[in-house]
Amino acid sequence: MPNFSHGTAGIAYFLASLFSRTRARPFLEGAIAGAEY
């Protein structure tokens, strides 16, 4: 399931939120990869 509650959108959202707090690029790259999918 790709959307928010059980899938890619929610997981990528967490990774983007981690980047917001840490500025660690791998988290942003993972979040963008999820969004691009």
PDB file of all heavy atoms in Angstrom:
ATOM      1  N   MET A   1       0.854  -1.186   0.000  1.00  0.00           N
ATOM      2  CA  MET A   1       0.000   0.000   0.000  1.00  0.00           C
ATOM      3  C   MET A   1       0.891   1.237   0.000  1.00  0.00           C
ATOM      4  O   MET A   1       1.629   1.464   0.951  1.00  0.00           O
ATOM      5  CB  MET A   1      -0.928  -0.033   1.216  1.00  0.00           C
ATOM      6  CG  MET A   1      -1.872  -1.225   1.200  1.00  0.00           C
ATOM      7  SD  MET A   1      -2.746  -1.522   2.762  1.00  0.00           S
ATOM      8  CE  MET A   1      -1.414  -2.168   3.776  1.00  0.00           C
ATOM      9  N   PRO A   2       0.826   2.059  -1.031  1.00  0.00           N
ATOM     10  CA  PRO A   2       1.821   3.120  -1.185  1.00  0.00           C
ATOM     11  C   PRO A   2       1.543   4.407  -0.422  1.00  0.00           C
ATOM     12  O   PRO A   2       2.453   5.223  -0.279  1.00  0.00           O
ATOM     13  CB  PRO A   2       1.791   3.392  -2.692  1.00  0.00           C
ATOM     14  CG  PRO A   2       0.398   3.048  -3.099  1.00  0.00           C
ATOM     15  CD  PRO A   2       0.002   1.881  -2.238  1.00  0.00           C
ATOM     16  N   ASN A   3       0.329   4.609   0.076  1.00  0.00           N
ATOM     17  CA  ASN A   3      -0.035   5.919   0.599  1.00  0.00           C
ATOM     18  C   ASN A   3       0.394   6.121   2.052  1.00  0.00           C
ATOM     19  O   ASN A   3       1.366   5.520   2.500  1.00  0.00           O
ATOM     20  CB  ASN A   3      -1.525   6.143   0.380  1.00  0.00           C
ATOM     21  CG  ASN A   3      -1.849   6.398  -1.093  1.00  0.00           C
ATOM     22  OD1 ASN A   3      -1.554   7.448  -1.639  1.00  0.00           O
ATOM     23  ND2 ASN A   3      -2.438   5.397  -1.752  1.00  0.00           N
ATOM     24  N   PHE A   4      -0.293   6.955   2.815  1.00  0.00           N
ATOM     25  CA  PHE A   4       0.274   7.490   4.048  1.00  0.00           C
ATOM     26  C   PHE A   4       0.246   6.529   5.230  1.00  0.00           C
ATOM     27  O   PHE A   4       1.248   6.355   5.929  1.00  0.00           O
ATOM     28  CB  PHE A   4      -0.443   8.792   4.438  1.00  0.00           C
ATOM     29  CG  PHE A   4       0.273   9.578   5.498  1.00  0.00           C
ATOM     30  CD1 PHE A   4       1.411  10.306   5.194  1.00  0.00           C
ATOM     31  CD2 PHE A   4      -0.165   9.580   6.807  1.00  0.00           C
ATOM     32  CE1 PHE A   4       2.099  11.027   6.166  1.00  0.00           C
ATOM     33  CE2 PHE A   4       0.500  10.299   7.794  1.00  0.00           C
ATOM     34  CZ  PHE A   4       1.640  11.021   7.474  1.00  0.00           C
ATOM     35  N   SER A   5      -0.888   5.897   5.506  1.00  0.00           N
ATOM     36  CA  SER A   5      -1.016   5.178   6.773  1.00  0.00           C
ATOM     37  C   SER A   5      -0.161   3.931   6.853  1.00  0.00           C
ATOM     38  O   SER A   5       0.376   3.597   7.912  1.00  0.00           O
ATOM     39  CB  SER A   5      -2.480   4.815   7.029  1.00  0.00           C
ATOM     40  OG  SER A   5      -2.958   3.912   6.048  1.00  0.00           O
ATOM     41  N   HIS A   6      -0.039   3.212   5.731  1.00  0.00           N
ATOM     42  CA  HIS A   6       0.646   1.924   5.748  1.00  0.00           C
ATOM     43  C   HIS A   6       1.770   1.814   4.731  1.00  0.00           C
ATOM     44  O   HIS A   6       2.254   0.704   4.492  1.00  0.00           O
ATOM     45  CB  HIS A   6      -0.360   0.799   5.477  1.00  0.00           C
ATOM     46  CG  HIS A   6      -1.325   0.551   6.591  1.00  0.00           C
ATOM     47  ND1 HIS A   6      -0.928   0.280   7.888  1.00  0.00           N
ATOM     48  CD2 HIS A   6      -2.681   0.539   6.605  1.00  0.00           C
ATOM     49  CE1 HIS A   6      -1.996   0.106   8.643  1.00  0.00           C
ATOM     50  NE2 HIS A   6      -3.068   0.262   7.901  1.00  0.00           N
ATOM     51  N   GLY A   7       2.182   2.902   4.119  1.00  0.00           N
ATOM     52  CA  GLY A   7       3.105   2.712   3.015  1.00  0.00           C
ATOM     53  C   GLY A   7       4.163   3.776   2.841  1.00  0.00           C
ATOM     54  O   GLY A   7       4.549   4.490   3.776  1.00  0.00           O
ATOM     55  N   THR A   8       4.588   3.877   1.605  1.00  0.00           N
ATOM     56  CA  THR A   8       5.741   4.688   1.237  1.00  0.00           C
ATOM     57  C   THR A   8       5.585   6.145   1.646  1.00  0.00           C
ATOM     58  O   THR A   8       6.539   6.765   2.147  1.00  0.00           O
ATOM     59  CB  THR A   8       5.975   4.582  -0.280  1.00  0.00           C
ATOM     60  OG1 THR A   8       6.313   3.224  -0.595  1.00  0.00           O
ATOM     61  CG2 THR A   8       7.081   5.512  -0.744  1.00  0.00           C
ATOM     62  N   ALA A   9       4.408   6.728   1.447  1.00  0.00           N
ATOM     63  CA  ALA A   9       4.230   8.153   1.745  1.00  0.00           C
ATOM     64  C   ALA A   9       4.494   8.452   3.217  1.00  0.00           C
ATOM     65  O   ALA A   9       5.162   9.441   3.551  1.00  0.00           O
ATOM     66  CB  ALA A   9       2.825   8.606   1.343  1.00  0.00           C
ATOM     67  N   GLY A  10       3.974   7.611   4.115  1.00  0.00           N
ATOM     68  CA  GLY A  10       4.178   7.848   5.535  1.00  0.00           C
ATOM     69  C   GLY A  10       5.608   7.631   5.974  1.00  0.00           C
ATOM     70  O   GLY A  10       6.147   8.386   6.799  1.00  0.00           O
ATOM     71  N   ILE A  11       6.244   6.619   5.432  1.00  0.00           N
ATOM     72  CA  ILE A  11       7.634   6.334   5.795  1.00  0.00           C
ATOM     73  C   ILE A  11       8.558   7.435   5.280  1.00  0.00           C
ATOM     74  O   ILE A  11       9.440   7.921   5.996  1.00  0.00           O
ATOM     75  CB  ILE A  11       8.038   4.953   5.255  1.00  0.00           C
ATOM     76  CG1 ILE A  11       7.224   3.877   5.986  1.00  0.00           C
ATOM     77  CG2 ILE A  11       9.531   4.705   5.419  1.00  0.00           C
ATOM     78  CD1 ILE A  11       7.154   2.547   5.273  1.00  0.00           C
ATOM     79  N   ALA A  12       8.336   7.848   4.030  1.00  0.00           N
ATOM     80  CA  ALA A  12       9.133   8.947   3.481  1.00  0.00           C
ATOM     81  C   ALA A  12       8.885  10.242   4.249  1.00  0.00           C
ATOM     82  O   ALA A  12       9.793  11.065   4.417  1.00  0.00           O
ATOM     83  CB  ALA A  12       8.823   9.121   1.997  1.00  0.00           C
ATOM     84  N   TYR A  13       7.659  10.435   4.728  1.00  0.00           N
ATOM     85  CA  TYR A  13       7.350  11.616   5.551  1.00  0.00           C
ATOM     86  C   TYR A  13       8.205  11.622   6.813  1.00  0.00           C
ATOM     87  O   TYR A  13       8.751  12.668   7.205  1.00  0.00           O
ATOM     88  CB  TYR A  13       5.868  11.634   5.907  1.00  0.00           C
ATOM     89  CG  TYR A  13       5.503  12.749   6.839  1.00  0.00           C
ATOM     90  CD1 TYR A  13       5.192  14.011   6.346  1.00  0.00           C
ATOM     91  CD2 TYR A  13       5.493  12.562   8.216  1.00  0.00           C
ATOM     92  CE1 TYR A  13       4.874  15.057   7.209  1.00  0.00           C
ATOM     93  CE2 TYR A  13       5.186  13.594   9.078  1.00  0.00           C
ATOM     94  CZ  TYR A  13       4.880  14.837   8.569  1.00  0.00           C
ATOM     95  OH  TYR A  13       4.578  15.868   9.428  1.00  0.00           O
ATOM     96  N   PHE A  14       8.319  10.478   7.465  1.00  0.00           N
ATOM     97  CA  PHE A  14       9.175  10.404   8.656  1.00  0.00           C
ATOM     98  C   PHE A  14      10.617  10.729   8.300  1.00  0.00           C
ATOM     99  O   PHE A  14      11.303  11.468   9.024  1.00  0.00           O
ATOM    100  CB  PHE A  14       9.070   9.023   9.296  1.00  0.00           C
ATOM    101  CG  PHE A  14      10.123   8.751  10.328  1.00  0.00           C
ATOM    102  CD1 PHE A  14      10.304   9.604  11.409  1.00  0.00           C
ATOM    103  CD2 PHE A  14      10.947   7.644  10.219  1.00  0.00           C
ATOM    104  CE1 PHE A  14      11.297   9.359  12.359  1.00  0.00           C
ATOM    105  CE2 PHE A  14      11.933   7.382  11.163  1.00  0.00           C
ATOM    106  CZ  PHE A  14      12.108   8.245  12.234  1.00  0.00           C
ATOM    107  N   LEU A  15      11.112  10.198   7.191  1.00  0.00           N
ATOM    108  CA  LEU A  15      12.491  10.473   6.797  1.00  0.00           C
ATOM    109  C   LEU A  15      12.695  11.965   6.527  1.00  0.00           C
ATOM    110  O   LEU A  15      13.727  12.536   6.918  1.00  0.00           O
ATOM    111  CB  LEU A  15      12.852   9.647   5.565  1.00  0.00           C
ATOM    112  CG  LEU A  15      12.866   8.124   5.757  1.00  0.00           C
ATOM    113  CD1 LEU A  15      13.127   7.423   4.439  1.00  0.00           C
ATOM    114  CD2 LEU A  15      13.893   7.703   6.810  1.00  0.00           C
ATOM    115  N   ALA A  16      11.737  12.598   5.869  1.00  0.00           N
ATOM    116  CA  ALA A  16      11.839  14.042   5.630  1.00  0.00           C
ATOM    117  C   ALA A  16      11.824  14.816   6.943  1.00  0.00           C
ATOM    118  O   ALA A  16      12.523  15.828   7.097  1.00  0.00           O
ATOM    119  CB  ALA A  16      10.706  14.508   4.715  1.00  0.00           C
ATOM    120  N   SER A  17      11.025  14.350   7.899  1.00  0.00           N
ATOM    121  CA  SER A  17      10.978  15.001   9.209  1.00  0.00           C
ATOM    122  C   SER A  17      12.294  14.822   9.951  1.00  0.00           C
ATOM    123  O   SER A  17      12.754  15.735  10.660  1.00  0.00           O
ATOM    124  CB  SER A  17       9.814  14.428  10.027  1.00  0.00           C
ATOM    125  OG  SER A  17       8.580  14.659   9.373  1.00  0.00           O
ATOM    126  N   LEU A  18      12.918  13.653   9.802  1.00  0.00           N
ATOM    127  CA  LEU A  18      14.245  13.443  10.382  1.00  0.00           C
ATOM    128  C   LEU A  18      15.265  14.407   9.787  1.00  0.00           C
ATOM    129  O   LEU A  18      16.104  14.970  10.501  1.00  0.00           O
ATOM    130  CB  LEU A  18      14.705  12.008  10.130  1.00  0.00           C
ATOM    131  CG  LEU A  18      14.443  10.961  11.203  1.00  0.00           C
ATOM    132  CD1 LEU A  18      14.928   9.606  10.719  1.00  0.00           C
ATOM    133  CD2 LEU A  18      15.108  11.334  12.524  1.00  0.00           C
ATOM    134  N   PHE A  19      15.205  14.597   8.474  1.00  0.00           N
ATOM    135  CA  PHE A  19      16.114  15.546   7.845  1.00  0.00           C
ATOM    136  C   PHE A  19      15.886  16.952   8.390  1.00  0.00           C
ATOM    137  O   PHE A  19      16.840  17.699   8.655  1.00  0.00           O
ATOM    138  CB  PHE A  19      15.948  15.548   6.330  1.00  0.00           C
ATOM    139  CG  PHE A  19      16.717  16.649   5.660  1.00  0.00           C
ATOM    140  CD1 PHE A  19      18.098  16.566   5.534  1.00  0.00           C
ATOM    141  CD2 PHE A  19      16.072  17.791   5.200  1.00  0.00           C
ATOM    142  CE1 PHE A  19      18.822  17.597   4.949  1.00  0.00           C
ATOM    143  CE2 PHE A  19      16.787  18.826   4.605  1.00  0.00           C
ATOM    144  CZ  PHE A  19      18.164  18.725   4.482  1.00  0.00           C
ATOM    145  N   SER A  20      14.624  17.316   8.568  1.00  0.00           N
ATOM    146  CA  SER A  20      14.311  18.644   9.098  1.00  0.00           C
ATOM    147  C   SER A  20      14.974  18.862  10.447  1.00  0.00           C
ATOM    148  O   SER A  20      15.437  19.961  10.750  1.00  0.00           O
ATOM    149  CB  SER A  20      12.798  18.802   9.220  1.00  0.00           C
ATOM    150  OG  SER A  20      12.461  20.045   9.788  1.00  0.00           O
ATOM    151  N   ARG A  21      15.058  17.803  11.248  1.00  0.00           N
ATOM    152  CA  ARG A  21      15.626  17.929  12.591  1.00  0.00           C
ATOM    153  C   ARG A  21      17.141  17.771  12.605  1.00  0.00           C
ATOM    154  O   ARG A  21      17.828  18.399  13.413  1.00  0.00           O
ATOM    155  CB  ARG A  21      14.979  16.876  13.505  1.00  0.00           C
ATOM    156  CG  ARG A  21      15.419  16.954  14.950  1.00  0.00           C
ATOM    157  CD  ARG A  21      14.954  18.244  15.609  1.00  0.00           C
ATOM    158  NE  ARG A  21      15.479  18.338  16.975  1.00  0.00           N
ATOM    159  CZ  ARG A  21      16.700  18.796  17.282  1.00  0.00           C
ATOM    160  NH1 ARG A  21      17.533  19.191  16.309  1.00  0.00           N
ATOM    161  NH2 ARG A  21      17.086  18.863  18.538  1.00  0.00           N
ATOM    162  N   THR A  22      17.702  16.916  11.706  1.00  0.00           N
ATOM    163  CA  THR A  22      19.127  16.575  11.788  1.00  0.00           C
ATOM    164  C   THR A  22      19.974  17.172  10.671  1.00  0.00           C
ATOM    165  O   THR A  22      21.196  17.252  10.812  1.00  0.00           O
ATOM    166  CB  THR A  22      19.307  15.052  11.713  1.00  0.00           C
ATOM    167  OG1 THR A  22      18.896  14.585  10.414  1.00  0.00           O
ATOM    168  CG2 THR A  22      18.492  14.352  12.792  1.00  0.00           C
ATOM    169  N   ARG A  23      19.337  17.504   9.540  1.00  0.00           N
ATOM    170  CA  ARG A  23      20.012  17.969   8.309  1.00  0.00           C
ATOM    171  C   ARG A  23      20.924  16.890   7.734  1.00  0.00           C
ATOM    172  O   ARG A  23      21.830  17.193   6.942  1.00  0.00           O
ATOM    173  CB  ARG A  23      20.810  19.260   8.533  1.00  0.00           C
ATOM    174  CG  ARG A  23      20.076  20.358   9.263  1.00  0.00           C
ATOM    175  CD  ARG A  23      18.680  20.592   8.735  1.00  0.00           C
ATOM    176  NE  ARG A  23      18.662  21.213   7.395  1.00  0.00           N
ATOM    177  CZ  ARG A  23      17.554  21.552   6.750  1.00  0.00           C
ATOM    178  NH1 ARG A  23      16.365  21.297   7.299  1.00  0.00           N
ATOM    179  NH2 ARG A  23      17.620  22.104   5.554  1.00  0.00           N
ATOM    180  N   ALA A  24      20.680  15.630   8.071  1.00  0.00           N
ATOM    181  CA  ALA A  24      21.465  14.521   7.524  1.00  0.00           C
ATOM    182  C   ALA A  24      20.937  14.180   6.131  1.00  0.00           C
ATOM    183  O   ALA A  24      19.783  13.758   5.993  1.00  0.00           O
ATOM    184  CB  ALA A  24      21.384  13.304   8.447  1.00  0.00           C
ATOM    185  N   ARG A  25      21.766  14.333   5.101  1.00  0.00           N
ATOM    186  CA  ARG A  25      21.321  14.215   3.712  1.00  0.00           C
ATOM    187  C   ARG A  25      20.725  12.858   3.362  1.00  0.00           C
ATOM    188  O   ARG A  25      19.781  12.808   2.560  1.00  0.00           O
ATOM    189  CB  ARG A  25      22.494  14.504   2.772  1.00  0.00           C
ATOM    190  CG  ARG A  25      23.017  15.915   2.821  1.00  0.00           C
ATOM    191  CD  ARG A  25      22.090  16.924   2.193  1.00  0.00           C
ATOM    192  NE  ARG A  25      21.758  16.627   0.808  1.00  0.00           N
ATOM    193  CZ  ARG A  25      20.960  17.406   0.064  1.00  0.00           C
ATOM    194  NH1 ARG A  25      20.443  18.501   0.582  1.00  0.00           N
ATOM    195  NH2 ARG A  25      20.686  17.073  -1.176  1.00  0.00           N
ATOM    196  N   PRO A  26      21.210  11.730   3.893  1.00  0.00           N
ATOM    197  CA  PRO A  26      20.592  10.458   3.498  1.00  0.00           C
ATOM    198  C   PRO A  26      19.097  10.390   3.780  1.00  0.00           C
ATOM    199  O   PRO A  26      18.361   9.746   3.032  1.00  0.00           O
ATOM    200  CB  PRO A  26      21.371   9.423   4.322  1.00  0.00           C
ATOM    201  CG  PRO A  26      22.709  10.060   4.544  1.00  0.00           C
ATOM    202  CD  PRO A  26      22.418  11.509   4.725  1.00  0.00           C
ATOM    203  N   PHE A  27      18.650  11.063   4.837  1.00  0.00           N
ATOM    204  CA  PHE A  27      17.218  11.043   5.131  1.00  0.00           C
ATOM    205  C   PHE A  27      16.432  11.839   4.086  1.00  0.00           C
ATOM    206  O   PHE A  27      15.356  11.421   3.656  1.00  0.00           O
ATOM    207  CB  PHE A  27      16.955  11.577   6.538  1.00  0.00           C
ATOM    208  CG  PHE A  27      17.548  10.730   7.627  1.00  0.00           C
ATOM    209  CD1 PHE A  27      18.267  11.302   8.662  1.00  0.00           C
ATOM    210  CD2 PHE A  27      17.398   9.348   7.608  1.00  0.00           C
ATOM    211  CE1 PHE A  27      18.816  10.522   9.667  1.00  0.00           C
ATOM    212  CE2 PHE A  27      17.954   8.556   8.604  1.00  0.00           C
ATOM    213  CZ  PHE A  27      18.665   9.144   9.629  1.00  0.00           C
ATOM    214  N   LEU A  28      16.953  12.967   3.675  1.00  0.00           N
ATOM    215  CA  LEU A  28      16.291  13.738   2.625  1.00  0.00           C
ATOM    216  C   LEU A  28      16.291  12.957   1.317  1.00  0.00           C
ATOM    217  O   LEU A  28      15.280  12.914   0.593  1.00  0.00           O
ATOM    218  CB  LEU A  28      16.981  15.086   2.433  1.00  0.00           C
ATOM    219  CG  LEU A  28      16.406  15.967   1.306  1.00  0.00           C
ATOM    220  CD1 LEU A  28      14.944  16.295   1.573  1.00  0.00           C
ATOM    221  CD2 LEU A  28      17.230  17.240   1.154  1.00  0.00           C
ATOM    222  N   GLU A  29      17.405  12.333   0.997  1.00  0.00           N
ATOM    223  CA  GLU A  29      17.489  11.553  -0.243  1.00  0.00           C
ATOM    224  C   GLU A  29      16.493  10.398  -0.223  1.00  0.00           C
ATOM    225  O   GLU A  29      15.844  10.103  -1.243  1.00  0.00           O
ATOM    226  CB  GLU A  29      18.916  11.046  -0.427  1.00  0.00           C
ATOM    227  CG  GLU A  29      19.911  12.164  -0.725  1.00  0.00           C
ATOM    228  CD  GLU A  29      21.360  11.742  -0.540  1.00  0.00           C
ATOM    229  OE1 GLU A  29      21.592  10.548  -0.191  1.00  0.00           O
ATOM    230  OE2 GLU A  29      22.252  12.583  -0.725  1.00  0.00           O
ATOM    231  N   GLY A  30      16.334   9.751   0.921  1.00  0.00           N
ATOM    232  CA  GLY A  30      15.361   8.676   1.027  1.00  0.00           C
ATOM    233  C   GLY A  30      13.941   9.180   0.885  1.00  0.00           C
ATOM    234  O   GLY A  30      13.105   8.548   0.209  1.00  0.00           O
ATOM    235  N   ALA A  31      13.647  10.319   1.505  1.00  0.00           N
ATOM    236  CA  ALA A  31      12.308  10.895   1.406  1.00  0.00           C
ATOM    237  C   ALA A  31      11.978  11.283  -0.031  1.00  0.00           C
ATOM    238  O   ALA A  31      10.874  11.020  -0.524  1.00  0.00           O
ATOM    239  CB  ALA A  31      12.198  12.110   2.322  1.00  0.00           C
ATOM    240  N   ILE A  32      12.925  11.902  -0.707  1.00  0.00           N
ATOM    241  CA  ILE A  32      12.698  12.292  -2.106  1.00  0.00           C
ATOM    242  C   ILE A  32      12.547  11.057  -2.991  1.00  0.00           C
ATOM    243  O   ILE A  32      11.707  11.024  -3.900  1.00  0.00           O
ATOM    244  CB  ILE A  32      13.831  13.208  -2.598  1.00  0.00           C
ATOM    245  CG1 ILE A  32      13.738  14.569  -1.885  1.00  0.00           C
ATOM    246  CG2 ILE A  32      13.779  13.385  -4.109  1.00  0.00           C
ATOM    247  CD1 ILE A  32      14.884  15.504  -2.202  1.00  0.00           C
ATOM    248  N   ALA A  33      13.339  10.011  -2.712  1.00  0.00           N
ATOM    249  CA  ALA A  33      13.204   8.771  -3.484  1.00  0.00           C
ATOM    250  C   ALA A  33      11.798   8.195  -3.328  1.00  0.00           C
ATOM    251  O   ALA A  33      11.197   7.710  -4.298  1.00  0.00           O
ATOM    252  CB  ALA A  33      14.252   7.759  -3.039  1.00  0.00           C
ATOM    253  N   GLY A  34      11.261   8.230  -2.113  1.00  0.00           N
ATOM    254  CA  GLY A  34       9.889   7.776  -1.909  1.00  0.00           C
ATOM    255  C   GLY A  34       8.889   8.618  -2.673  1.00  0.00           C
ATOM    256  O   GLY A  34       7.961   8.099  -3.306  1.00  0.00           O
ATOM    257  N   ALA A  35       9.067   9.931  -2.634  1.00  0.00           N
ATOM    258  CA  ALA A  35       8.158  10.825  -3.350  1.00  0.00           C
ATOM    259  C   ALA A  35       8.254  10.636  -4.856  1.00  0.00           C
ATOM    260  O   ALA A  35       7.238  10.684  -5.570  1.00  0.00           O
ATOM    261  CB  ALA A  35       8.457  12.272  -2.967  1.00  0.00           C
ATOM    262  N   GLU A  36       9.456  10.422  -5.362  1.00  0.00           N
ATOM    263  CA  GLU A  36       9.613  10.215  -6.804  1.00  0.00           C
ATOM    264  C   GLU A  36       8.928   8.925  -7.244  1.00  0.00           C
ATOM    265  O   GLU A  36       8.327   8.867  -8.326  1.00  0.00           O
ATOM    266  CB  GLU A  36      11.096  10.203  -7.171  1.00  0.00           C
ATOM    267  CG  GLU A  36      11.801  11.546  -7.012  1.00  0.00           C
ATOM    268  CD  GLU A  36      11.260  12.606  -7.963  1.00  0.00           C
ATOM    269  OE1 GLU A  36      10.647  12.254  -8.994  1.00  0.00           O
ATOM    270  OE2 GLU A  36      11.454  13.806  -7.673  1.00  0.00           O
ATOM    271  N   TYR A  37       9.024   7.895  -6.421  1.00  0.00           N
ATOM    272  CA  TYR A  37       8.294   6.668  -6.748  1.00  0.00           C
ATOM    273  C   TYR A  37       6.792   6.944  -6.813  1.00  0.00           C
ATOM    274  O   TYR A  37       6.102   6.515  -7.751  1.00  0.00           O
ATOM    275  CB  TYR A  37       8.579   5.568  -5.719  1.00  0.00           C
ATOM    276  CG  TYR A  37       7.575   4.456  -5.792  1.00  0.00           C
ATOM    277  CD1 TYR A  37       7.590   3.548  -6.849  1.00  0.00           C
ATOM    278  CD2 TYR A  37       6.563   4.344  -4.829  1.00  0.00           C
ATOM    279  CE1 TYR A  37       6.634   2.551  -6.941  1.00  0.00           C
ATOM    280  CE2 TYR A  37       5.609   3.339  -4.915  1.00  0.00           C
ATOM    281  CZ  TYR A  37       5.639   2.455  -5.968  1.00  0.00           C
ATOM    282  OH  TYR A  37       4.694   1.470  -6.072  1.00  0.00           O
TER     283      TYR A  37
END
